[in-house]
């Protein structure tokens, strides 16, 4: 049965890594739902976090193939109940849409929104949460003249006390 999996791969800065990942997924006709690339807890290492909707067997095989073909140090895969994950979103609404503060204040409290900038014509704020919460807020903000909305890819950590430690990293 297909379900959402988050894969986390640790690698050094490697030219063409995204292309190699795309080749592996496109050969199997698998769509990438999200991709996040960032530095991580290990100096000079990068953490690729990507989300797929597939069966366990396919995800396991992809993780093994990524380790073998792309030469990452390690590729982990997890279901949503095995990780702590969030996304961040920025919303821009017309400042005039905030004329009824009792309505907008309730939404801001419900979603723990934080103002970033308030200008004469627009207001920008951020929200951190699960994808469905962010999407629901975006729908609700249409009543308040939503101008723009963007959300980040998933960031995730495993719900255990283990971490990746490469045996040797060459300088």
Protein backbone atom coordinates (compact mmCIF):
# COMPACT_ATOMS: atom_id res chain seq x y z
CA UNK A 1 0.00 0.00 0.00
CA UNK A 2 1.30 3.44 -0.91
CA UNK A 3 1.97 5.96 1.82
CA UNK A 4 4.05 9.06 2.34
CA UNK A 5 7.73 8.49 3.09
CA UNK A 6 10.42 11.01 3.96
CA UNK A 7 13.88 10.09 2.74
CA UNK A 8 16.96 11.76 4.19
CA UNK A 9 20.30 11.46 2.43
CA UNK A 10 23.63 12.75 3.76
CA UNK A 11 26.24 13.76 1.21
CA UNK A 12 29.13 16.05 0.55
CA UNK A 13 28.60 18.83 -1.97
CA UNK A 14 28.31 16.73 -5.10
CA UNK A 15 27.78 18.21 -8.56
CA UNK A 16 24.76 16.75 -10.34
CA UNK A 17 23.20 15.08 -7.32
CA UNK A 18 19.72 16.41 -8.04
CA UNK A 19 19.97 15.23 -11.64
CA UNK A 20 21.02 11.74 -10.52
CA UNK A 21 18.11 11.62 -8.09
CA UNK A 22 15.72 12.72 -10.84
CA UNK A 23 16.99 9.93 -13.11
CA UNK A 24 16.42 7.27 -10.43
CA UNK A 25 12.87 8.50 -9.80
CA UNK A 26 11.91 9.09 -13.44
CA UNK A 27 13.02 5.58 -14.46
CA UNK A 28 10.49 4.24 -11.98
CA UNK A 29 7.88 6.90 -12.89
CA UNK A 30 7.84 8.22 -9.32
CA UNK A 31 6.89 11.81 -8.57
CA UNK A 32 8.84 13.81 -6.06
CA UNK A 33 6.42 15.57 -3.69
CA UNK A 34 8.97 17.78 -1.90
CA UNK A 35 12.70 18.41 -1.85
CA UNK A 36 14.75 20.31 0.72
CA UNK A 37 18.53 20.65 0.65
CA UNK A 38 20.39 22.20 3.55
CA UNK A 39 23.53 22.13 5.60
CA UNK A 40 23.32 19.88 8.64
CA UNK A 41 24.90 19.03 11.96
CA UNK A 42 28.06 17.67 10.28
CA UNK A 43 30.57 20.18 8.93
CA UNK A 44 30.85 20.24 5.12
CA UNK A 45 27.91 17.84 4.73
CA UNK A 46 24.49 18.40 3.21
CA UNK A 47 21.17 16.87 4.08
CA UNK A 48 18.76 16.13 1.25
CA UNK A 49 15.22 15.60 2.52
CA UNK A 50 12.62 14.51 0.01
CA UNK A 51 9.11 13.13 0.18
CA UNK A 52 7.60 10.35 -1.93
CA UNK A 53 4.24 8.61 -1.95
CA UNK A 54 5.08 4.93 -2.59
CA UNK A 55 5.07 1.41 -1.16
CA UNK A 56 7.59 0.31 1.45
CA UNK A 57 9.39 -2.03 -0.97
CA UNK A 58 9.87 0.67 -3.59
CA UNK A 59 11.07 3.23 -1.05
CA UNK A 60 13.52 0.77 0.48
CA UNK A 61 14.91 -0.08 -2.97
CA UNK A 62 15.20 3.61 -3.89
CA UNK A 63 17.13 4.31 -0.67
CA UNK A 64 19.52 1.43 -1.39
CA UNK A 65 19.95 2.57 -5.00
CA UNK A 66 20.65 6.14 -3.88
CA UNK A 67 23.39 4.90 -1.54
CA UNK A 68 24.91 2.72 -4.24
CA UNK A 69 24.62 4.83 -7.41
CA UNK A 70 24.77 8.38 -6.12
CA UNK A 71 27.37 7.58 -3.47
CA UNK A 72 25.73 9.36 -0.58
CA UNK A 73 27.00 8.42 2.86
CA UNK A 74 23.61 7.20 4.06
CA UNK A 75 19.95 7.39 3.00
CA UNK A 76 17.25 6.87 5.63
CA UNK A 77 13.53 6.46 4.99
CA UNK A 78 10.72 7.08 7.47
CA UNK A 79 6.96 7.23 7.64
CA UNK A 80 5.30 10.34 9.03
CA UNK A 81 4.78 8.71 12.43
CA UNK A 82 8.53 8.02 12.76
CA UNK A 83 9.63 11.65 12.37
CA UNK A 84 8.94 15.13 13.69
CA UNK A 85 8.33 17.38 10.71
CA UNK A 86 7.17 20.87 9.92
CA UNK A 87 6.88 23.32 7.08
CA UNK A 88 7.02 27.09 7.16
CA UNK A 89 4.84 29.43 5.12
CA UNK A 90 4.84 33.13 4.35
CA UNK A 91 1.54 34.89 3.69
CA UNK A 92 1.00 38.38 2.30
CA UNK A 93 -2.43 39.94 2.67
CA UNK A 94 -3.70 43.43 2.02
CA UNK A 95 -3.42 45.50 5.16
CA UNK A 96 -6.93 46.78 4.45
CA UNK A 97 -8.11 43.15 4.74
CA UNK A 98 -7.20 43.30 8.42
CA UNK A 99 -9.81 45.97 9.20
CA UNK A 100 -11.74 43.53 11.42
CA UNK A 101 -9.03 42.55 13.89
CA UNK A 102 -11.25 40.23 15.93
CA UNK A 103 -11.53 37.88 12.93
CA UNK A 104 -7.89 37.91 11.88
CA UNK A 105 -6.60 37.82 15.46
CA UNK A 106 -8.47 34.58 16.06
CA UNK A 107 -6.81 33.00 13.03
CA UNK A 108 -3.39 34.26 14.07
CA UNK A 109 -3.80 32.76 17.54
CA UNK A 110 -5.15 29.46 16.19
CA UNK A 111 -2.19 29.02 13.82
CA UNK A 112 0.48 30.75 15.95
CA UNK A 113 1.18 33.27 13.19
CA UNK A 114 3.95 35.81 13.62
CA UNK A 115 4.04 39.21 11.93
CA UNK A 116 7.11 39.82 9.78
CA UNK A 117 6.33 43.22 8.29
CA UNK A 118 3.36 45.58 8.30
CA UNK A 119 3.24 48.13 5.50
CA UNK A 120 0.52 50.52 4.37
CA UNK A 121 -0.59 48.29 1.48
CA UNK A 122 0.30 44.79 2.68
CA UNK A 123 1.19 42.70 5.73
CA UNK A 124 3.50 39.67 5.73
CA UNK A 125 3.44 37.00 8.41
CA UNK A 126 4.78 33.50 8.90
CA UNK A 127 3.30 30.25 10.14
CA UNK A 128 5.01 26.97 10.98
CA UNK A 129 2.99 23.77 10.97
CA UNK A 130 1.83 20.68 9.18
CA UNK A 131 1.01 20.93 5.49
CA UNK A 132 -2.75 20.51 5.94
CA UNK A 133 -2.83 23.28 8.57
CA UNK A 134 -0.99 25.67 6.27
CA UNK A 135 -3.28 24.85 3.34
CA UNK A 136 -6.38 25.36 5.51
CA UNK A 137 -5.08 28.74 6.68
CA UNK A 138 -4.42 29.77 3.07
CA UNK A 139 -8.05 29.00 2.22
CA UNK A 140 -9.29 30.96 5.24
CA UNK A 141 -7.10 33.95 4.37
CA UNK A 142 -8.83 34.38 1.00
CA UNK A 143 -11.54 36.23 2.99
CA UNK A 144 -8.87 38.74 4.05
CA UNK A 145 -7.57 39.53 0.56
CA UNK A 146 -4.67 37.10 0.31
CA UNK A 147 -2.08 38.45 -2.16
CA UNK A 148 0.67 35.83 -1.99
CA UNK A 149 1.41 32.58 -0.21
CA UNK A 150 4.41 30.25 -0.32
CA UNK A 151 5.40 27.30 1.82
CA UNK A 152 8.73 25.60 2.31
CA UNK A 153 9.54 21.98 1.75
CA UNK A 154 9.45 19.63 4.70
CA UNK A 155 12.13 19.68 7.36
CA UNK A 156 12.27 16.58 9.53
CA UNK A 157 14.18 14.81 12.28
CA UNK A 158 13.82 11.20 13.41
CA UNK A 159 11.98 10.41 16.63
CA UNK A 160 14.90 8.58 18.20
CA UNK A 161 18.18 9.53 19.80
CA UNK A 162 20.36 8.27 16.94
CA UNK A 163 22.18 10.47 14.47
CA UNK A 164 24.23 9.92 11.35
CA UNK A 165 27.97 9.87 11.99
CA UNK A 166 30.13 9.16 8.96
CA UNK A 167 33.09 6.88 9.68
CA UNK A 168 35.47 9.13 7.77
CA UNK A 169 35.14 12.40 5.92
CA UNK A 170 37.92 13.46 3.62
CA UNK A 171 38.94 17.11 3.64
